[in-house]
Amino acid sequence: MKQFIIIFEFANTTDPKIIPFKDMIRAYQKFAFITNNTCVIWTESTAVLIRDYLKTGIGPNDKLFVADISAPAAWTNSVNKQVSEYIIKNLKDI
């Protein structure tokens, strides 16, 4: 499986579309939210297909970034230990 980072920002931080948008990400089934607006997913899809799917859940003033990622990766103070271990276990060198 390939790994992708998704970064999104809603222009209105109380937008009712945020929860359904996060549910669209959760639909990929293998995911880890790193921050409120950043997620890693594992899928056989492509960045373009992921973007095209997710952009149906955002408005014209909202932002969305999708990129293929690989190990090594590094972070601090962004996720709890359980999520961190999950990411390390699933992140692959490419």
C-alpha atoms as a PDB file:
ATOM      1  CA  MET A   1       0.000   0.000   0.000  1.00  0.00           C
ATOM      2  CA  LYS A   2       1.055   3.558  -0.678  1.00  0.00           C
ATOM      3  CA  GLN A   3       1.020   6.242   2.009  1.00  0.00           C
ATOM      4  CA  PHE A   4      -0.274   9.759   1.642  1.00  0.00           C
ATOM      5  CA  ILE A   5      -0.367  12.832   3.802  1.00  0.00           C
ATOM      6  CA  ILE A   6      -3.520  14.918   3.646  1.00  0.00           C
ATOM      7  CA  ILE A   7      -3.481  18.487   4.919  1.00  0.00           C
ATOM      8  CA  PHE A   8      -6.694  20.474   4.914  1.00  0.00           C
ATOM      9  CA  GLU A   9      -7.895  23.807   6.209  1.00  0.00           C
ATOM     10  CA  PHE A  10     -11.453  25.031   6.330  1.00  0.00           C
ATOM     11  CA  ALA A  11     -11.890  28.797   5.920  1.00  0.00           C
ATOM     12  CA  ASN A  12     -14.550  28.673   8.633  1.00  0.00           C
ATOM     13  CA  THR A  13     -13.268  26.654  11.608  1.00  0.00           C
ATOM     14  CA  THR A  14     -16.841  25.907  12.712  1.00  0.00           C
ATOM     15  CA  ASP A  15     -17.958  24.743   9.255  1.00  0.00           C
ATOM     16  CA  PRO A  16     -20.466  21.882   9.608  1.00  0.00           C
ATOM     17  CA  LYS A  17     -18.719  20.142   6.673  1.00  0.00           C
ATOM     18  CA  ILE A  18     -15.631  19.364   8.801  1.00  0.00           C
ATOM     19  CA  ILE A  19     -16.980  16.220  10.476  1.00  0.00           C
ATOM     20  CA  PRO A  20     -18.354  14.721   7.234  1.00  0.00           C
ATOM     21  CA  PHE A  21     -15.041  15.584   5.539  1.00  0.00           C
ATOM     22  CA  LYS A  22     -13.089  13.721   8.227  1.00  0.00           C
ATOM     23  CA  ASP A  23     -15.486  10.806   7.765  1.00  0.00           C
ATOM     24  CA  MET A  24     -14.536  10.796   4.069  1.00  0.00           C
ATOM     25  CA  ILE A  25     -10.917  10.346   5.164  1.00  0.00           C
ATOM     26  CA  ARG A  26     -11.906   7.639   7.653  1.00  0.00           C
ATOM     27  CA  ALA A  27     -13.582   5.778   4.768  1.00  0.00           C
ATOM     28  CA  TYR A  28     -10.089   4.819   3.609  1.00  0.00           C
ATOM     29  CA  GLN A  29     -10.090   2.604   6.746  1.00  0.00           C
ATOM     30  CA  LYS A  30      -6.342   2.735   7.334  1.00  0.00           C
ATOM     31  CA  PHE A  31      -5.566   6.235   8.593  1.00  0.00           C
ATOM     32  CA  ALA A  32      -3.974   8.231  11.394  1.00  0.00           C
ATOM     33  CA  PHE A  33      -4.858  11.808  12.253  1.00  0.00           C
ATOM     34  CA  ILE A  34      -1.632  13.609  13.134  1.00  0.00           C
ATOM     35  CA  THR A  35      -3.254  16.968  13.951  1.00  0.00           C
ATOM     36  CA  ASN A  36      -6.772  18.332  13.628  1.00  0.00           C
ATOM     37  CA  ASN A  37      -6.028  19.177   9.987  1.00  0.00           C
ATOM     38  CA  THR A  38      -3.460  16.559   8.997  1.00  0.00           C
ATOM     39  CA  CYS A  39      -3.830  12.872   8.352  1.00  0.00           C
ATOM     40  CA  VAL A  40      -1.831   9.976   6.951  1.00  0.00           C
ATOM     41  CA  ILE A  41      -3.717   7.321   4.985  1.00  0.00           C
ATOM     42  CA  TRP A  42      -2.679   4.035   3.401  1.00  0.00           C
ATOM     43  CA  THR A  43      -4.345   3.089   0.119  1.00  0.00           C
ATOM     44  CA  GLU A  44      -3.664   1.810  -3.381  1.00  0.00           C
ATOM     45  CA  SER A  45      -5.190   4.985  -4.804  1.00  0.00           C
ATOM     46  CA  THR A  46      -3.280   7.978  -6.203  1.00  0.00           C
ATOM     47  CA  ALA A  47      -2.840  11.535  -4.920  1.00  0.00           C
ATOM     48  CA  VAL A  48      -4.973  12.882  -7.766  1.00  0.00           C
ATOM     49  CA  LEU A  49      -7.825  10.431  -7.117  1.00  0.00           C
ATOM     50  CA  ILE A  50      -7.721  11.106  -3.373  1.00  0.00           C
ATOM     51  CA  ARG A  51      -7.743  14.862  -4.009  1.00  0.00           C
ATOM     52  CA  ASP A  52     -10.605  14.598  -6.475  1.00  0.00           C
ATOM     53  CA  TYR A  53     -12.658  12.535  -4.011  1.00  0.00           C
ATOM     54  CA  LEU A  54     -11.956  14.760  -1.005  1.00  0.00           C
ATOM     55  CA  LYS A  55     -12.471  18.067  -2.802  1.00  0.00           C
ATOM     56  CA  THR A  56     -16.158  17.157  -3.102  1.00  0.00           C
ATOM     57  CA  GLY A  57     -16.323  17.656   0.676  1.00  0.00           C
ATOM     58  CA  ILE A  58     -14.808  21.149   0.846  1.00  0.00           C
ATOM     59  CA  GLY A  59     -15.853  24.611  -0.254  1.00  0.00           C
ATOM     60  CA  PRO A  60     -14.211  27.015  -2.723  1.00  0.00           C
ATOM     61  CA  ASN A  61     -12.310  28.866   0.029  1.00  0.00           C
ATOM     62  CA  ASP A  62     -11.073  25.733   1.809  1.00  0.00           C
ATOM     63  CA  LYS A  63      -7.606  24.265   1.249  1.00  0.00           C
ATOM     64  CA  LEU A  64      -6.533  20.699   0.510  1.00  0.00           C
ATOM     65  CA  PHE A  65      -3.085  19.161  -0.030  1.00  0.00           C
ATOM     66  CA  VAL A  66      -2.431  15.469  -0.806  1.00  0.00           C
ATOM     67  CA  ALA A  67       1.045  13.994  -1.297  1.00  0.00           C
ATOM     68  CA  ASP A  68       2.634  10.568  -1.494  1.00  0.00           C
ATOM     69  CA  ILE A  69       5.041  10.105   1.419  1.00  0.00           C
ATOM     70  CA  SER A  70       7.607   7.547   2.525  1.00  0.00           C
ATOM     71  CA  ALA A  71       9.867   6.778   5.446  1.00  0.00           C
ATOM     72  CA  PRO A  72      11.891   8.059   7.074  1.00  0.00           C
ATOM     73  CA  ALA A  73       9.644  10.589   8.711  1.00  0.00           C
ATOM     74  CA  ALA A  74      10.064  12.568  11.906  1.00  0.00           C
ATOM     75  CA  TRP A  75       7.745  14.453  14.223  1.00  0.00           C
ATOM     76  CA  THR A  76       7.387  15.776  17.721  1.00  0.00           C
ATOM     77  CA  ASN A  77       4.452  16.851  19.883  1.00  0.00           C
ATOM     78  CA  SER A  78       1.936  16.096  17.154  1.00  0.00           C
ATOM     79  CA  VAL A  79       0.457  12.721  18.066  1.00  0.00           C
ATOM     80  CA  ASN A  80       0.018  10.568  21.125  1.00  0.00           C
ATOM     81  CA  LYS A  81       2.141   7.453  21.691  1.00  0.00           C
ATOM     82  CA  GLN A  82      -0.467   5.034  20.307  1.00  0.00           C
ATOM     83  CA  VAL A  83      -0.862   6.969  17.042  1.00  0.00           C
ATOM     84  CA  SER A  84       2.905   7.451  16.799  1.00  0.00           C
ATOM     85  CA  GLU A  85       3.498   3.698  17.123  1.00  0.00           C
ATOM     86  CA  TYR A  86       0.778   3.007  14.537  1.00  0.00           C
ATOM     87  CA  ILE A  87       2.430   5.370  12.037  1.00  0.00           C
ATOM     88  CA  ILE A  88       5.910   3.933  12.651  1.00  0.00           C
ATOM     89  CA  LYS A  89       4.585   0.384  12.213  1.00  0.00           C
ATOM     90  CA  ASN A  90       2.891   1.223   8.932  1.00  0.00           C
ATOM     91  CA  LEU A  91       5.250   3.773   7.360  1.00  0.00           C
ATOM     92  CA  LYS A  92       7.347   2.126   4.686  1.00  0.00           C
ATOM     93  CA  ASP A  93      10.616   3.038   3.019  1.00  0.00           C
ATOM     94  CA  ILE A  94      10.162   3.525  -0.692  1.00  0.00           C
END
